[in-house]
Protein backbone atom coordinates (compact mmCIF):
# COMPACT_ATOMS: atom_id res chain seq x y z
CA LEU A 1 -25.63 138.78 3.57
CA ASN A 2 -25.89 141.64 1.05
CA CYS A 3 -26.44 145.17 2.34
CA GLY A 4 -29.19 146.81 0.31
CA ARG A 5 -27.74 150.25 0.94
CA CYS A 6 -24.01 149.92 0.25
CA GLY A 7 -23.80 146.53 -1.48
CA LEU A 8 -21.24 145.13 1.00
CA VAL A 9 -21.36 141.35 1.30
CA SER A 10 -20.84 140.08 4.87
CA CYS A 11 -20.31 136.69 6.48
CA LEU A 12 -23.41 135.56 8.41
CA ALA A 13 -21.30 133.85 11.05
CA CYS A 14 -18.88 136.61 12.04
CA GLY A 15 -20.31 139.78 10.46
CA LYS A 16 -17.01 140.63 8.78
CA PRO A 17 -16.62 141.05 5.00
CA TRP A 18 -17.37 137.78 3.19
CA HIS A 19 -14.52 135.26 3.17
CA SER A 20 -14.08 131.58 2.34
CA GLY A 21 -13.12 129.03 4.96
CA PRO A 22 -13.78 129.02 8.69
CA CYS A 23 -14.08 132.17 10.72
CA ASP A 24 -13.88 133.15 14.34
CA THR A 25 -17.61 133.15 15.14
CA ARG A 26 -17.01 134.41 18.67
CA GLY A 27 -14.66 137.14 17.47
CA ASP A 28 -14.61 140.85 18.06
CA MET A 29 -17.67 141.94 16.05
CA ASP A 30 -18.39 145.59 16.71
CA GLU A 31 -21.77 146.77 17.96
CA ALA A 32 -22.71 148.35 14.62
CA SER A 33 -22.21 144.98 12.88
CA ARG A 34 -24.22 143.16 15.54
CA GLN A 35 -27.05 145.67 15.20
CA TYR A 36 -26.99 145.42 11.39
CA LEU A 37 -27.29 141.62 11.54
CA ARG A 38 -30.12 141.83 14.11
CA ASP A 39 -31.97 144.35 11.91
CA ALA A 40 -31.46 142.05 8.89
CA GLY A 41 -33.18 139.21 10.77
CA VAL A 42 -30.04 137.16 11.44
CA ARG A 43 -29.98 135.21 14.69
CA ARG A 44 -26.76 133.65 15.98
CA CYS A 45 -26.62 130.04 17.09
CA GLU A 46 -25.65 129.81 20.77
CA ARG A 47 -23.77 126.57 20.15
CA CYS A 48 -21.61 127.33 17.09
CA GLY A 49 -22.14 131.06 16.51
CA ALA A 50 -23.34 130.63 12.92
CA GLY A 51 -25.88 133.05 11.50
CA VAL A 52 -29.40 131.66 11.05
CA VAL A 53 -32.00 133.40 8.89
CA LYS A 54 -35.73 132.63 8.95
CA ALA A 55 -37.13 132.27 5.43
CA SER A 56 -40.67 131.20 6.34
CA GLY A 57 -42.72 129.19 8.81
CA CYS A 58 -42.87 129.32 12.57
CA ASP A 59 -40.19 130.48 14.98
CA LYS A 60 -38.79 127.04 15.92
CA MET A 61 -35.32 127.13 14.34
CA LYS A 62 -32.66 124.46 13.87
CA CYS A 63 -29.06 125.38 13.08
CA ARG A 64 -26.96 123.20 10.77
CA CYS A 65 -25.00 122.11 13.88
CA GLY A 66 -28.24 120.67 15.34
CA TYR A 67 -28.88 123.30 18.01
CA GLN A 68 -32.59 124.15 18.28
CA PHE A 69 -33.91 127.49 19.50
CA CYS A 70 -36.70 130.05 19.32
CA TYR A 71 -36.21 132.69 16.63
CA GLN A 72 -38.05 135.34 18.69
CA CYS A 73 -36.42 135.00 22.10
CA GLY A 74 -33.50 132.58 21.59
CA ALA A 75 -34.69 130.02 24.17
CA LYS A 76 -32.97 126.63 23.82
CA ASP A 77 -35.24 123.99 22.26
CA ALA A 78 -37.88 126.75 21.88
CA LYS A 79 -39.34 125.84 25.28
CA CYS A 80 -40.63 129.36 25.77
CA GLY A 81 -44.24 129.58 24.60
CA CYS A 82 -43.51 131.89 21.65
CA THR A 83 -44.85 129.24 19.24
CA PRO A 84 -47.72 126.79 19.67
CA SER A 85 -46.69 123.49 21.24
CA HIS A 86 -47.88 121.49 18.22
CA HIS A 87 -45.32 123.20 15.94
CA VAL A 88 -42.22 121.13 15.18
CA PHE A 89 -38.66 121.85 14.12
CA TYR A 90 -37.81 121.42 10.44
CA ASP A 91 -34.56 119.86 9.27
CA ASN A 92 -33.48 121.93 6.26
CA VAL A 93 -30.72 119.46 5.38
CA LYS A 94 -32.99 116.38 5.28
CA GLU A 95 -35.96 118.51 4.13
CA ARG A 96 -38.42 117.07 6.62
CA PRO A 97 -39.83 117.81 10.07
CA ASP A 98 -37.50 116.84 12.90
CA GLY A 99 -37.04 116.91 16.63
CA PRO A 100 -38.48 115.35 19.77
CA ASP A 101 -42.00 116.69 19.11
CA PHE A 102 -42.26 115.21 15.59
CA ALA A 103 -43.82 111.88 16.67
CA ALA A 104 -46.46 113.68 18.75
CA PHE A 105 -47.14 116.00 15.80
CA MET A 106 -47.67 113.02 13.48
CA ARG A 107 -50.03 111.32 15.95
CA ARG A 108 -52.06 114.50 16.28
CA PHE A 109 -52.15 115.71 12.67
CA GLY A 110 -51.27 112.61 10.60
CA GLY A 111 -49.51 112.59 7.26
CA ARG A 112 -46.19 111.23 6.04
CA PHE A 113 -42.86 112.81 5.24
CA GLY A 114 -40.20 111.19 3.01
């Protein structure tokens, strides 16, 4: 994540200066770093601690580890009412809709995905 003000590049997972390799995602991030990441639109995965950024679409998010949650409130599996029930999760690795609601979505709205 690049800071537009100072140019510092930070790790999305731990909030510390960018580094290669694994990091301690549950580490001792200070409150200023947590607030900066929240303000930048980064949400942390409750399962693995990785940073997740919404680029577009609805608020049903899926982390690379498979954990699904609501971008707005953080509810597991987005079972919170923040997004319409017909919205589905999107697998950014496979580049197609995914999740338990996908079959119902296809029955209701039709279409095919690769």
